[in-house]
Amino acid sequence: IFGEVGWSTNSGTPSDLYNFGYNLVQEAKSAGVKVFWWDNNKEGTGTNHYGLLNRWNTDSNNAEWHKPALLKGLIKGSGQTIDWIENISV
């Protein structure tokens, strides 16, 4: 198990975030390791901001995803597909 991993700031381009997520999951998967994303529901800049999903708005049809390019990279890296995620531009 790859315990807790996160992207702690809003630095980087959407492409950087996508590549980080994709490569992280691809490498872990090739080694037979499971990845658990650390999401502390904090969004913003600075340290300790690992929010990926706005937990105050979790309606599956209208969920607010912070760092959507990262989310797309994590999912695509796993080899899974989700229809709505294809619309996220990187």
PDB file of N, CA and C in Angstrom:
ATOM      1  N   ILE A   1       0.849  -1.184   0.000  1.00  0.00           N
ATOM      2  CA  ILE A   1       0.000   0.000   0.000  1.00  0.00           C
ATOM      3  C   ILE A   1       0.884   1.233   0.000  1.00  0.00           C
ATOM      4  N   PHE A   2       0.615   2.140  -0.913  1.00  0.00           N
ATOM      5  CA  PHE A   2       1.253   3.449  -0.932  1.00  0.00           C
ATOM      6  C   PHE A   2       0.352   4.322  -0.070  1.00  0.00           C
ATOM      7  N   GLY A   3       0.689   4.450   1.202  1.00  0.00           N
ATOM      8  CA  GLY A   3      -0.152   5.058   2.227  1.00  0.00           C
ATOM      9  C   GLY A   3      -0.850   6.342   1.869  1.00  0.00           C
ATOM     10  N   GLU A   4      -0.293   7.447   2.211  1.00  0.00           N
ATOM     11  CA  GLU A   4      -0.939   8.735   1.974  1.00  0.00           C
ATOM     12  C   GLU A   4      -0.083   9.544   1.012  1.00  0.00           C
ATOM     13  N   VAL A   5      -0.695   9.957  -0.071  1.00  0.00           N
ATOM     14  CA  VAL A   5       0.006  10.777  -1.050  1.00  0.00           C
ATOM     15  C   VAL A   5      -0.903  11.940  -1.398  1.00  0.00           C
ATOM     16  N   GLY A   6      -0.319  13.081  -1.693  1.00  0.00           N
ATOM     17  CA  GLY A   6      -1.125  14.235  -2.048  1.00  0.00           C
ATOM     18  C   GLY A   6      -0.308  15.281  -2.776  1.00  0.00           C
ATOM     19  N   TRP A   7      -0.988  16.269  -3.292  1.00  0.00           N
ATOM     20  CA  TRP A   7      -0.368  17.423  -3.950  1.00  0.00           C
ATOM     21  C   TRP A   7      -0.701  18.597  -3.065  1.00  0.00           C
ATOM     22  N   SER A   8       0.282  19.110  -2.343  1.00  0.00           N
ATOM     23  CA  SER A   8      -0.012  19.998  -1.223  1.00  0.00           C
ATOM     24  C   SER A   8      -0.259  21.463  -1.566  1.00  0.00           C
ATOM     25  N   THR A   9      -0.061  21.860  -2.776  1.00  0.00           N
ATOM     26  CA  THR A   9      -0.339  23.248  -3.129  1.00  0.00           C
ATOM     27  C   THR A   9      -1.033  23.301  -4.476  1.00  0.00           C
ATOM     28  N   ASN A  10      -1.493  24.470  -4.836  1.00  0.00           N
ATOM     29  CA  ASN A  10      -2.099  24.644  -6.158  1.00  0.00           C
ATOM     30  C   ASN A  10      -1.061  25.039  -7.189  1.00  0.00           C
ATOM     31  N   SER A  11       0.190  24.736  -6.932  1.00  0.00           N
ATOM     32  CA  SER A  11       1.230  25.052  -7.901  1.00  0.00           C
ATOM     33  C   SER A  11       1.186  24.047  -9.043  1.00  0.00           C
ATOM     34  N   GLY A  12       1.779  24.422 -10.121  1.00  0.00           N
ATOM     35  CA  GLY A  12       1.835  23.536 -11.276  1.00  0.00           C
ATOM     36  C   GLY A  12       0.690  23.772 -12.235  1.00  0.00           C
ATOM     37  N   THR A  13       0.925  23.406 -13.457  1.00  0.00           N
ATOM     38  CA  THR A  13      -0.089  23.541 -14.492  1.00  0.00           C
ATOM     39  C   THR A  13      -1.024  22.333 -14.442  1.00  0.00           C
ATOM     40  N   PRO A  14      -2.187  22.418 -15.098  1.00  0.00           N
ATOM     41  CA  PRO A  14      -3.037  21.235 -15.181  1.00  0.00           C
ATOM     42  C   PRO A  14      -2.287  20.027 -15.757  1.00  0.00           C
ATOM     43  N   SER A  15      -1.412  20.270 -16.710  1.00  0.00           N
ATOM     44  CA  SER A  15      -0.635  19.181 -17.290  1.00  0.00           C
ATOM     45  C   SER A  15       0.298  18.551 -16.245  1.00  0.00           C
ATOM     46  N   ASP A  16       0.912  19.376 -15.398  1.00  0.00           N
ATOM     47  CA  ASP A  16       1.765  18.863 -14.319  1.00  0.00           C
ATOM     48  C   ASP A  16       0.961  17.969 -13.383  1.00  0.00           C
ATOM     49  N   LEU A  17      -0.229  18.435 -13.019  1.00  0.00           N
ATOM     50  CA  LEU A  17      -1.080  17.675 -12.110  1.00  0.00           C
ATOM     51  C   LEU A  17      -1.514  16.348 -12.733  1.00  0.00           C
ATOM     52  N   TYR A  18      -1.930  16.398 -13.997  1.00  0.00           N
ATOM     53  CA  TYR A  18      -2.335  15.185 -14.700  1.00  0.00           C
ATOM     54  C   TYR A  18      -1.189  14.177 -14.730  1.00  0.00           C
ATOM     55  N   ASN A  19      -0.008  14.646 -15.146  1.00  0.00           N
ATOM     56  CA  ASN A  19       1.148  13.752 -15.264  1.00  0.00           C
ATOM     57  C   ASN A  19       1.542  13.152 -13.921  1.00  0.00           C
ATOM     58  N   PHE A  20       1.483  13.954 -12.854  1.00  0.00           N
ATOM     59  CA  PHE A  20       1.796  13.453 -11.523  1.00  0.00           C
ATOM     60  C   PHE A  20       0.843  12.313 -11.156  1.00  0.00           C
ATOM     61  N   GLY A  21      -0.456  12.558 -11.287  1.00  0.00           N
ATOM     62  CA  GLY A  21      -1.443  11.538 -10.943  1.00  0.00           C
ATOM     63  C   GLY A  21      -1.313  10.294 -11.800  1.00  0.00           C
ATOM     64  N   TYR A  22      -1.196  10.495 -13.097  1.00  0.00           N
ATOM     65  CA  TYR A  22      -1.102   9.371 -14.025  1.00  0.00           C
ATOM     66  C   TYR A  22       0.133   8.521 -13.740  1.00  0.00           C
ATOM     67  N   ASN A  23       1.295   9.171 -13.654  1.00  0.00           N
ATOM     68  CA  ASN A  23       2.544   8.432 -13.441  1.00  0.00           C
ATOM     69  C   ASN A  23       2.582   7.754 -12.079  1.00  0.00           C
ATOM     70  N   LEU A  24       2.064   8.412 -11.055  1.00  0.00           N
ATOM     71  CA  LEU A  24       2.031   7.831  -9.723  1.00  0.00           C
ATOM     72  C   LEU A  24       1.259   6.508  -9.738  1.00  0.00           C
ATOM     73  N   VAL A  25       0.065   6.537 -10.290  1.00  0.00           N
ATOM     74  CA  VAL A  25      -0.778   5.338 -10.285  1.00  0.00           C
ATOM     75  C   VAL A  25      -0.214   4.277 -11.227  1.00  0.00           C
ATOM     76  N   GLN A  26       0.299   4.672 -12.385  1.00  0.00           N
ATOM     77  CA  GLN A  26       0.886   3.714 -13.328  1.00  0.00           C
ATOM     78  C   GLN A  26       2.053   2.968 -12.693  1.00  0.00           C
ATOM     79  N   GLU A  27       2.954   3.708 -12.056  1.00  0.00           N
ATOM     80  CA  GLU A  27       4.124   3.081 -11.425  1.00  0.00           C
ATOM     81  C   GLU A  27       3.709   2.171 -10.274  1.00  0.00           C
ATOM     82  N   ALA A  28       2.796   2.644  -9.467  1.00  0.00           N
ATOM     83  CA  ALA A  28       2.321   1.829  -8.346  1.00  0.00           C
ATOM     84  C   ALA A  28       1.653   0.560  -8.854  1.00  0.00           C
ATOM     85  N   LYS A  29       0.803   0.718  -9.869  1.00  0.00           N
ATOM     86  CA  LYS A  29       0.079  -0.425 -10.436  1.00  0.00           C
ATOM     87  C   LYS A  29       1.047  -1.459 -10.993  1.00  0.00           C
ATOM     88  N   SER A  30       2.091  -1.002 -11.681  1.00  0.00           N
ATOM     89  CA  SER A  30       3.055  -1.942 -12.267  1.00  0.00           C
ATOM     90  C   SER A  30       3.820  -2.709 -11.188  1.00  0.00           C
ATOM     91  N   ALA A  31       3.900  -2.134  -9.982  1.00  0.00           N
ATOM     92  CA  ALA A  31       4.586  -2.796  -8.870  1.00  0.00           C
ATOM     93  C   ALA A  31       3.604  -3.553  -7.971  1.00  0.00           C
ATOM     94  N   GLY A  32       2.316  -3.542  -8.334  1.00  0.00           N
ATOM     95  CA  GLY A  32       1.316  -4.234  -7.533  1.00  0.00           C
ATOM     96  C   GLY A  32       0.959  -3.509  -6.252  1.00  0.00           C
ATOM     97  N   VAL A  33       1.146  -2.198  -6.248  1.00  0.00           N
ATOM     98  CA  VAL A  33       0.903  -1.387  -5.060  1.00  0.00           C
ATOM     99  C   VAL A  33      -0.393  -0.597  -5.224  1.00  0.00           C
ATOM    100  N   LYS A  34      -1.191  -0.509  -4.174  1.00  0.00           N
ATOM    101  CA  LYS A  34      -2.413   0.291  -4.163  1.00  0.00           C
ATOM    102  C   LYS A  34      -2.094   1.682  -3.651  1.00  0.00           C
ATOM    103  N   VAL A  35      -2.756   2.695  -4.206  1.00  0.00           N
ATOM    104  CA  VAL A  35      -2.529   4.095  -3.832  1.00  0.00           C
ATOM    105  C   VAL A  35      -3.753   4.626  -3.095  1.00  0.00           C
ATOM    106  N   PHE A  36      -3.527   5.304  -1.992  1.00  0.00           N
ATOM    107  CA  PHE A  36      -4.596   5.972  -1.250  1.00  0.00           C
ATOM    108  C   PHE A  36      -4.315   7.461  -1.255  1.00  0.00           C
ATOM    109  N   TRP A  37      -5.221   8.232  -1.834  1.00  0.00           N
ATOM    110  CA  TRP A  37      -5.051   9.676  -1.917  1.00  0.00           C
ATOM    111  C   TRP A  37      -5.418  10.326  -0.591  1.00  0.00           C
ATOM    112  N   TRP A  38      -4.591  11.231  -0.118  1.00  0.00           N
ATOM    113  CA  TRP A  38      -4.856  11.967   1.108  1.00  0.00           C
ATOM    114  C   TRP A  38      -5.653  13.218   0.762  1.00  0.00           C
ATOM    115  N   ASP A  39      -6.879  13.279   1.219  1.00  0.00           N
ATOM    116  CA  ASP A  39      -7.752  14.430   0.980  1.00  0.00           C
ATOM    117  C   ASP A  39      -8.246  14.939   2.326  1.00  0.00           C
ATOM    118  N   ASN A  40      -7.712  16.076   2.748  1.00  0.00           N
ATOM    119  CA  ASN A  40      -8.121  16.631   4.042  1.00  0.00           C
ATOM    120  C   ASN A  40      -9.157  17.747   3.891  1.00  0.00           C
ATOM    121  N   ASN A  41      -9.740  17.854   2.707  1.00  0.00           N
ATOM    122  CA  ASN A  41     -10.806  18.817   2.427  1.00  0.00           C
ATOM    123  C   ASN A  41     -10.353  20.271   2.514  1.00  0.00           C
ATOM    124  N   LYS A  42      -9.068  20.501   2.434  1.00  0.00           N
ATOM    125  CA  LYS A  42      -8.570  21.881   2.453  1.00  0.00           C
ATOM    126  C   LYS A  42      -8.149  22.263   1.043  1.00  0.00           C
ATOM    127  N   GLU A  43      -8.663  23.374   0.581  1.00  0.00           N
ATOM    128  CA  GLU A  43      -8.335  23.879  -0.748  1.00  0.00           C
ATOM    129  C   GLU A  43      -7.695  25.239  -0.585  1.00  0.00           C
ATOM    130  N   GLY A  44      -6.741  25.541  -1.401  1.00  0.00           N
ATOM    131  CA  GLY A  44      -6.058  26.824  -1.343  1.00  0.00           C
ATOM    132  C   GLY A  44      -4.589  26.644  -1.637  1.00  0.00           C
ATOM    133  N   THR A  45      -3.813  27.613  -1.267  1.00  0.00           N
ATOM    134  CA  THR A  45      -2.377  27.542  -1.496  1.00  0.00           C
ATOM    135  C   THR A  45      -1.669  27.380  -0.163  1.00  0.00           C
ATOM    136  N   GLY A  46      -0.434  26.957  -0.227  1.00  0.00           N
ATOM    137  CA  GLY A  46       0.352  26.750   0.981  1.00  0.00           C
ATOM    138  C   GLY A  46       0.398  25.277   1.344  1.00  0.00           C
ATOM    139  N   THR A  47       0.989  25.002   2.496  1.00  0.00           N
ATOM    140  CA  THR A  47       1.128  23.615   2.923  1.00  0.00           C
ATOM    141  C   THR A  47      -0.185  23.084   3.492  1.00  0.00           C
ATOM    142  N   ASN A  48      -0.287  21.793   3.525  1.00  0.00           N
ATOM    143  CA  ASN A  48      -1.437  21.089   4.108  1.00  0.00           C
ATOM    144  C   ASN A  48      -2.749  21.317   3.372  1.00  0.00           C
ATOM    145  N   HIS A  49      -2.695  21.619   2.103  1.00  0.00           N
ATOM    146  CA  HIS A  49      -3.906  21.780   1.298  1.00  0.00           C
ATOM    147  C   HIS A  49      -3.963  20.624   0.295  1.00  0.00           C
ATOM    148  N   TYR A  50      -4.604  19.536   0.715  1.00  0.00           N
ATOM    149  CA  TYR A  50      -4.658  18.322  -0.097  1.00  0.00           C
ATOM    150  C   TYR A  50      -6.053  18.042  -0.650  1.00  0.00           C
ATOM    151  N   GLY A  51      -6.934  19.019  -0.600  1.00  0.00           N
ATOM    152  CA  GLY A  51      -8.315  18.784  -1.026  1.00  0.00           C
ATOM    153  C   GLY A  51      -8.439  18.431  -2.492  1.00  0.00           C
ATOM    154  N   LEU A  52      -9.165  17.366  -2.774  1.00  0.00           N
ATOM    155  CA  LEU A  52      -9.452  16.963  -4.143  1.00  0.00           C
ATOM    156  C   LEU A  52     -10.947  17.051  -4.420  1.00  0.00           C
ATOM    157  N   LEU A  53     -11.779  16.778  -3.415  1.00  0.00           N
ATOM    158  CA  LEU A  53     -13.233  16.829  -3.537  1.00  0.00           C
ATOM    159  C   LEU A  53     -13.785  17.801  -2.499  1.00  0.00           C
ATOM    160  N   ASN A  54     -14.642  18.712  -2.934  1.00  0.00           N
ATOM    161  CA  ASN A  54     -15.330  19.604  -2.008  1.00  0.00           C
ATOM    162  C   ASN A  54     -16.401  18.778  -1.306  1.00  0.00           C
ATOM    163  N   ARG A  55     -16.172  18.424  -0.063  1.00  0.00           N
ATOM    164  CA  ARG A  55     -17.093  17.548   0.667  1.00  0.00           C
ATOM    165  C   ARG A  55     -18.409  18.220   1.018  1.00  0.00           C
ATOM    166  N   TRP A  56     -18.483  19.530   0.865  1.00  0.00           N
ATOM    167  CA  TRP A  56     -19.733  20.235   1.147  1.00  0.00           C
ATOM    168  C   TRP A  56     -20.682  20.152  -0.032  1.00  0.00           C
ATOM    169  N   ASN A  57     -20.176  19.723  -1.184  1.00  0.00           N
ATOM    170  CA  ASN A  57     -21.006  19.571  -2.378  1.00  0.00           C
ATOM    171  C   ASN A  57     -20.633  18.244  -3.026  1.00  0.00           C
ATOM    172  N   THR A  58     -21.213  17.163  -2.534  1.00  0.00           N
ATOM    173  CA  THR A  58     -20.842  15.843  -3.038  1.00  0.00           C
ATOM    174  C   THR A  58     -21.927  15.201  -3.890  1.00  0.00           C
ATOM    175  N   ASP A  59     -22.905  15.975  -4.313  1.00  0.00           N
ATOM    176  CA  ASP A  59     -23.910  15.464  -5.242  1.00  0.00           C
ATOM    177  C   ASP A  59     -23.159  14.924  -6.460  1.00  0.00           C
ATOM    178  N   SER A  60     -23.335  13.659  -6.757  1.00  0.00           N
ATOM    179  CA  SER A  60     -22.535  13.032  -7.813  1.00  0.00           C
ATOM    180  C   SER A  60     -22.688  13.712  -9.164  1.00  0.00           C
ATOM    181  N   ASN A  61     -23.824  14.350  -9.408  1.00  0.00           N
ATOM    182  CA  ASN A  61     -24.015  15.023 -10.689  1.00  0.00           C
ATOM    183  C   ASN A  61     -23.390  16.411 -10.715  1.00  0.00           C
ATOM    184  N   ASN A  62     -23.140  16.982  -9.544  1.00  0.00           N
ATOM    185  CA  ASN A  62     -22.628  18.348  -9.480  1.00  0.00           C
ATOM    186  C   ASN A  62     -21.430  18.485  -8.552  1.00  0.00           C
ATOM    187  N   ALA A  63     -20.745  17.405  -8.275  1.00  0.00           N
ATOM    188  CA  ALA A  63     -19.618  17.447  -7.345  1.00  0.00           C
ATOM    189  C   ALA A  63     -18.586  18.458  -7.817  1.00  0.00           C
ATOM    190  N   GLU A  64     -18.052  19.201  -6.882  1.00  0.00           N
ATOM    191  CA  GLU A  64     -17.009  20.179  -7.196  1.00  0.00           C
ATOM    192  C   GLU A  64     -15.660  19.536  -6.918  1.00  0.00           C
ATOM    193  N   TRP A  65     -14.907  19.300  -7.972  1.00  0.00           N
ATOM    194  CA  TRP A  65     -13.595  18.682  -7.836  1.00  0.00           C
ATOM    195  C   TRP A  65     -12.521  19.757  -7.916  1.00  0.00           C
ATOM    196  N   HIS A  66     -11.702  19.830  -6.894  1.00  0.00           N
ATOM    197  CA  HIS A  66     -10.513  20.676  -6.931  1.00  0.00           C
ATOM    198  C   HIS A  66      -9.456  19.890  -7.710  1.00  0.00           C
ATOM    199  N   LYS A  67      -8.659  20.567  -8.468  1.00  0.00           N
ATOM    200  CA  LYS A  67      -7.598  19.928  -9.250  1.00  0.00           C
ATOM    201  C   LYS A  67      -8.141  18.829 -10.172  1.00  0.00           C
ATOM    202  N   PRO A  68      -9.100  19.153 -11.053  1.00  0.00           N
ATOM    203  CA  PRO A  68      -9.703  18.127 -11.912  1.00  0.00           C
ATOM    204  C   PRO A  68      -8.703  17.413 -12.822  1.00  0.00           C
ATOM    205  N   ALA A  69      -7.645  18.095 -13.249  1.00  0.00           N
ATOM    206  CA  ALA A  69      -6.654  17.436 -14.103  1.00  0.00           C
ATOM    207  C   ALA A  69      -5.936  16.335 -13.325  1.00  0.00           C
ATOM    208  N   LEU A  70      -5.692  16.569 -12.038  1.00  0.00           N
ATOM    209  CA  LEU A  70      -5.080  15.552 -11.197  1.00  0.00           C
ATOM    210  C   LEU A  70      -6.004  14.349 -11.060  1.00  0.00           C
ATOM    211  N   LEU A  71      -7.270  14.608 -10.815  1.00  0.00           N
ATOM    212  CA  LEU A  71      -8.255  13.535 -10.713  1.00  0.00           C
ATOM    213  C   LEU A  71      -8.265  12.700 -11.994  1.00  0.00           C
ATOM    214  N   LYS A  72      -8.243  13.368 -13.141  1.00  0.00           N
ATOM    215  CA  LYS A  72      -8.239  12.653 -14.420  1.00  0.00           C
ATOM    216  C   LYS A  72      -6.988  11.787 -14.544  1.00  0.00           C
ATOM    217  N   GLY A  73      -5.845  12.326 -14.159  1.00  0.00           N
ATOM    218  CA  GLY A  73      -4.600  11.548 -14.218  1.00  0.00           C
ATOM    219  C   GLY A  73      -4.642  10.319 -13.330  1.00  0.00           C
ATOM    220  N   LEU A  74      -5.166  10.474 -12.111  1.00  0.00           N
ATOM    221  CA  LEU A  74      -5.258   9.344 -11.188  1.00  0.00           C
ATOM    222  C   LEU A  74      -6.141   8.238 -11.767  1.00  0.00           C
ATOM    223  N   ILE A  75      -7.267   8.621 -12.319  1.00  0.00           N
ATOM    224  CA  ILE A  75      -8.200   7.627 -12.859  1.00  0.00           C
ATOM    225  C   ILE A  75      -7.652   6.985 -14.128  1.00  0.00           C
ATOM    226  N   LYS A  76      -7.125   7.805 -15.038  1.00  0.00           N
ATOM    227  CA  LYS A  76      -6.584   7.256 -16.288  1.00  0.00           C
ATOM    228  C   LYS A  76      -5.372   6.364 -16.011  1.00  0.00           C
ATOM    229  N   GLY A  77      -4.560   6.740 -15.028  1.00  0.00           N
ATOM    230  CA  GLY A  77      -3.401   5.926 -14.670  1.00  0.00           C
ATOM    231  C   GLY A  77      -3.779   4.548 -14.173  1.00  0.00           C
ATOM    232  N   SER A  78      -4.965   4.445 -13.590  1.00  0.00           N
ATOM    233  CA  SER A  78      -5.431   3.151 -13.087  1.00  0.00           C
ATOM    234  C   SER A  78      -5.952   2.258 -14.198  1.00  0.00           C
ATOM    235  N   GLY A  79      -6.153   2.845 -15.372  1.00  0.00           N
ATOM    236  CA  GLY A  79      -6.690   2.088 -16.492  1.00  0.00           C
ATOM    237  C   GLY A  79      -8.208   2.095 -16.539  1.00  0.00           C
ATOM    238  N   GLN A  80      -8.830   2.838 -15.638  1.00  0.00           N
ATOM    239  CA  GLN A  80     -10.286   2.924 -15.586  1.00  0.00           C
ATOM    240  C   GLN A  80     -10.775   4.069 -16.471  1.00  0.00           C
ATOM    241  N   THR A  81     -12.025   4.034 -16.800  1.00  0.00           N
ATOM    242  CA  THR A  81     -12.626   5.125 -17.562  1.00  0.00           C
ATOM    243  C   THR A  81     -13.923   5.546 -16.884  1.00  0.00           C
ATOM    244  N   ILE A  82     -14.172   6.814 -16.898  1.00  0.00           N
ATOM    245  CA  ILE A  82     -15.418   7.392 -16.411  1.00  0.00           C
ATOM    246  C   ILE A  82     -15.822   8.415 -17.470  1.00  0.00           C
ATOM    247  N   ASP A  83     -17.026   8.278 -18.001  1.00  0.00           N
ATOM    248  CA  ASP A  83     -17.455   9.116 -19.127  1.00  0.00           C
ATOM    249  C   ASP A  83     -17.223  10.601 -18.891  1.00  0.00           C
ATOM    250  N   TRP A  84     -17.687  11.142 -17.766  1.00  0.00           N
ATOM    251  CA  TRP A  84     -17.627  12.581 -17.563  1.00  0.00           C
ATOM    252  C   TRP A  84     -16.205  13.097 -17.412  1.00  0.00           C
ATOM    253  N   ILE A  85     -15.292  12.244 -17.011  1.00  0.00           N
ATOM    254  CA  ILE A  85     -13.921  12.713 -16.805  1.00  0.00           C
ATOM    255  C   ILE A  85     -13.213  12.989 -18.131  1.00  0.00           C
ATOM    256  N   GLU A  86     -13.695  12.409 -19.204  1.00  0.00           N
ATOM    257  CA  GLU A  86     -13.090  12.657 -20.513  1.00  0.00           C
ATOM    258  C   GLU A  86     -13.250  14.099 -20.941  1.00  0.00           C
ATOM    259  N   ASN A  87     -14.227  14.801 -20.397  1.00  0.00           N
ATOM    260  CA  ASN A  87     -14.462  16.204 -20.751  1.00  0.00           C
ATOM    261  C   ASN A  87     -13.528  17.177 -20.035  1.00  0.00           C
ATOM    262  N   ILE A  88     -12.735  16.680 -19.084  1.00  0.00           N
ATOM    263  CA  ILE A  88     -11.790  17.547 -18.373  1.00  0.00           C
ATOM    264  C   ILE A  88     -10.587  17.779 -19.261  1.00  0.00           C
ATOM    265  N   SER A  89     -10.270  19.021 -19.528  1.00  0.00           N
ATOM    266  CA  SER A  89      -9.108  19.309 -20.373  1.00  0.00           C
ATOM    267  C   SER A  89      -7.856  19.375 -19.513  1.00  0.00           C
ATOM    268  N   VAL A  90      -6.772  18.951 -20.089  1.00  0.00           N
ATOM    269  CA  VAL A  90      -5.484  18.927 -19.398  1.00  0.00           C
ATOM    270  C   VAL A  90      -4.526  19.843 -20.115  1.00  0.00           C
TER     271      VAL A  90
END
